[in-house]
């Protein structure tokens, strides 16, 4: 009889996620090693990937002008992640029912807003009070 060794998955959980109950679920899962730490970004770290819970992803998407709770859900359902939404083409976004040109333009603007070069000639300005 051949025995296969299961791979151990190391998951770092942000300490702020301890109240969610996920830590207990992960710790009870075979072949999962859980450690608690303060992550600068993300809810969970698996290898070199940062993972965000759906609620976090929805919150991020709702920060885009013209994207409210319903549109955020629609976008996340269709694309699966914030990254996939932000890298989608305008045509891919327009193909989604309930996402119109105005919303697509707002998403495109938020992602591709040109960097503004500021006039720094007045940096040495010393106002007289």
Protein backbone atom coordinates (compact mmCIF):
# COMPACT_ATOMS: atom_id res chain seq x y z
CA UNK A 1 0.00 0.00 0.00
CA UNK A 2 1.45 3.34 -1.09
CA UNK A 3 1.13 6.21 1.35
CA UNK A 4 1.02 9.71 -0.04
CA UNK A 5 2.27 12.54 2.10
CA UNK A 6 -0.08 15.49 2.24
CA UNK A 7 1.37 18.88 1.56
CA UNK A 8 1.35 21.25 4.51
CA UNK A 9 -0.22 24.61 3.69
CA UNK A 10 1.06 27.52 5.75
CA UNK A 11 -1.44 30.32 6.22
CA UNK A 12 -0.71 33.57 8.01
CA UNK A 13 -3.88 35.14 9.37
CA UNK A 14 -4.07 38.84 10.19
CA UNK A 15 -4.57 39.17 13.92
CA UNK A 16 -7.63 41.36 13.32
CA UNK A 17 -9.35 38.31 11.75
CA UNK A 18 -9.28 36.31 14.98
CA UNK A 19 -12.84 37.32 15.87
CA UNK A 20 -14.22 36.07 12.54
CA UNK A 21 -14.07 32.39 13.50
CA UNK A 22 -11.96 31.53 10.45
CA UNK A 23 -8.88 30.84 12.58
CA UNK A 24 -10.65 27.97 14.36
CA UNK A 25 -11.92 26.56 11.08
CA UNK A 26 -8.46 26.71 9.49
CA UNK A 27 -6.77 25.21 12.55
CA UNK A 28 -9.21 22.29 12.52
CA UNK A 29 -8.37 21.57 8.86
CA UNK A 30 -5.87 18.80 8.25
CA UNK A 31 -2.64 19.76 6.50
CA UNK A 32 -3.05 23.47 7.34
CA UNK A 33 -0.63 25.30 9.58
CA UNK A 34 -1.93 28.62 10.90
CA UNK A 35 0.05 31.47 12.38
CA UNK A 36 -1.29 34.81 13.58
CA UNK A 37 0.47 38.04 12.68
CA UNK A 38 -0.31 41.64 11.83
CA UNK A 39 -0.40 41.87 8.04
CA UNK A 40 0.14 45.28 6.48
CA UNK A 41 -2.34 44.43 3.75
CA UNK A 42 -4.79 41.59 3.27
CA UNK A 43 -6.68 39.23 5.52
CA UNK A 44 -4.70 36.04 4.84
CA UNK A 45 -1.31 35.22 3.36
CA UNK A 46 -0.78 31.90 1.60
CA UNK A 47 2.73 31.58 0.22
CA UNK A 48 3.43 34.81 -1.62
CA UNK A 49 -0.26 35.58 -2.22
CA UNK A 50 -2.33 37.97 -0.15
CA UNK A 51 -5.99 37.03 0.06
CA UNK A 52 -8.89 39.32 0.82
CA UNK A 53 -12.30 38.27 2.03
CA UNK A 54 -15.22 39.03 -0.26
CA UNK A 55 -16.43 41.83 2.03
CA UNK A 56 -13.03 43.54 1.75
CA UNK A 57 -13.06 43.23 -2.03
CA UNK A 58 -16.59 44.64 -2.19
CA UNK A 59 -15.52 47.57 -0.02
CA UNK A 60 -12.55 48.30 -2.31
CA UNK A 61 -14.74 48.21 -5.43
CA UNK A 62 -17.30 50.52 -3.82
CA UNK A 63 -14.54 53.11 -3.49
CA UNK A 64 -14.61 53.56 -7.28
CA UNK A 65 -16.87 56.42 -8.41
CA UNK A 66 -20.17 55.08 -9.77
CA UNK A 67 -19.78 51.64 -8.16
CA UNK A 68 -22.23 51.00 -5.35
CA UNK A 69 -23.05 47.76 -3.52
CA UNK A 70 -25.01 46.15 -6.37
CA UNK A 71 -22.46 46.94 -9.08
CA UNK A 72 -19.62 45.83 -6.81
CA UNK A 73 -21.35 42.45 -6.31
CA UNK A 74 -22.00 42.10 -10.04
CA UNK A 75 -18.37 42.89 -10.89
CA UNK A 76 -16.95 40.57 -8.24
CA UNK A 77 -19.30 37.75 -9.29
CA UNK A 78 -18.24 38.11 -12.92
CA UNK A 79 -14.49 38.66 -12.51
CA UNK A 80 -13.72 36.97 -9.19
CA UNK A 81 -11.28 39.55 -7.80
CA UNK A 82 -10.59 43.26 -7.57
CA UNK A 83 -7.46 42.80 -9.68
CA UNK A 84 -9.45 41.14 -12.46
CA UNK A 85 -12.00 43.99 -12.42
CA UNK A 86 -9.31 46.66 -12.56
CA UNK A 87 -7.47 44.96 -15.42
CA UNK A 88 -10.60 44.17 -17.46
CA UNK A 89 -10.97 45.92 -20.79
CA UNK A 90 -13.75 48.43 -21.36
CA UNK A 91 -15.37 45.92 -23.73
CA UNK A 92 -15.35 43.19 -21.05
CA UNK A 93 -16.92 45.59 -18.55
CA UNK A 94 -19.56 46.79 -21.03
CA UNK A 95 -20.56 43.17 -21.72
CA UNK A 96 -21.85 42.79 -18.15
CA UNK A 97 -25.59 43.25 -17.69
CA UNK A 98 -26.28 46.20 -15.42
CA UNK A 99 -22.94 47.91 -16.07
CA UNK A 100 -23.39 50.84 -18.42
CA UNK A 101 -21.02 53.13 -20.27
CA UNK A 102 -21.04 55.74 -17.50
CA UNK A 103 -19.94 53.16 -14.91
CA UNK A 104 -17.32 51.72 -17.25
CA UNK A 105 -15.95 55.21 -17.91
CA UNK A 106 -15.75 55.86 -14.15
CA UNK A 107 -13.92 52.55 -13.54
CA UNK A 108 -11.56 53.22 -16.45
CA UNK A 109 -10.89 56.75 -15.19
CA UNK A 110 -10.18 55.54 -11.64
CA UNK A 111 -7.68 52.97 -12.89
CA UNK A 112 -6.07 54.95 -15.68
CA UNK A 113 -6.21 58.49 -14.32
CA UNK A 114 -3.14 60.27 -15.68
CA UNK A 115 -0.58 61.43 -13.19
CA UNK A 116 -0.64 65.20 -12.92
CA UNK A 117 2.65 67.04 -13.01
CA UNK A 118 2.52 69.73 -10.36
CA UNK A 119 4.17 73.11 -10.72
CA UNK A 120 6.82 73.18 -8.04
CA UNK A 121 8.12 76.66 -8.86
CA UNK A 122 6.38 78.15 -5.84
CA UNK A 123 7.78 75.63 -3.31
CA UNK A 124 10.14 78.29 -1.94
CA UNK A 125 7.29 80.76 -1.53
CA UNK A 126 7.32 82.27 1.95
CA UNK A 127 3.99 83.95 2.65
CA UNK A 128 4.02 87.08 4.74
CA UNK A 129 1.61 86.82 7.61
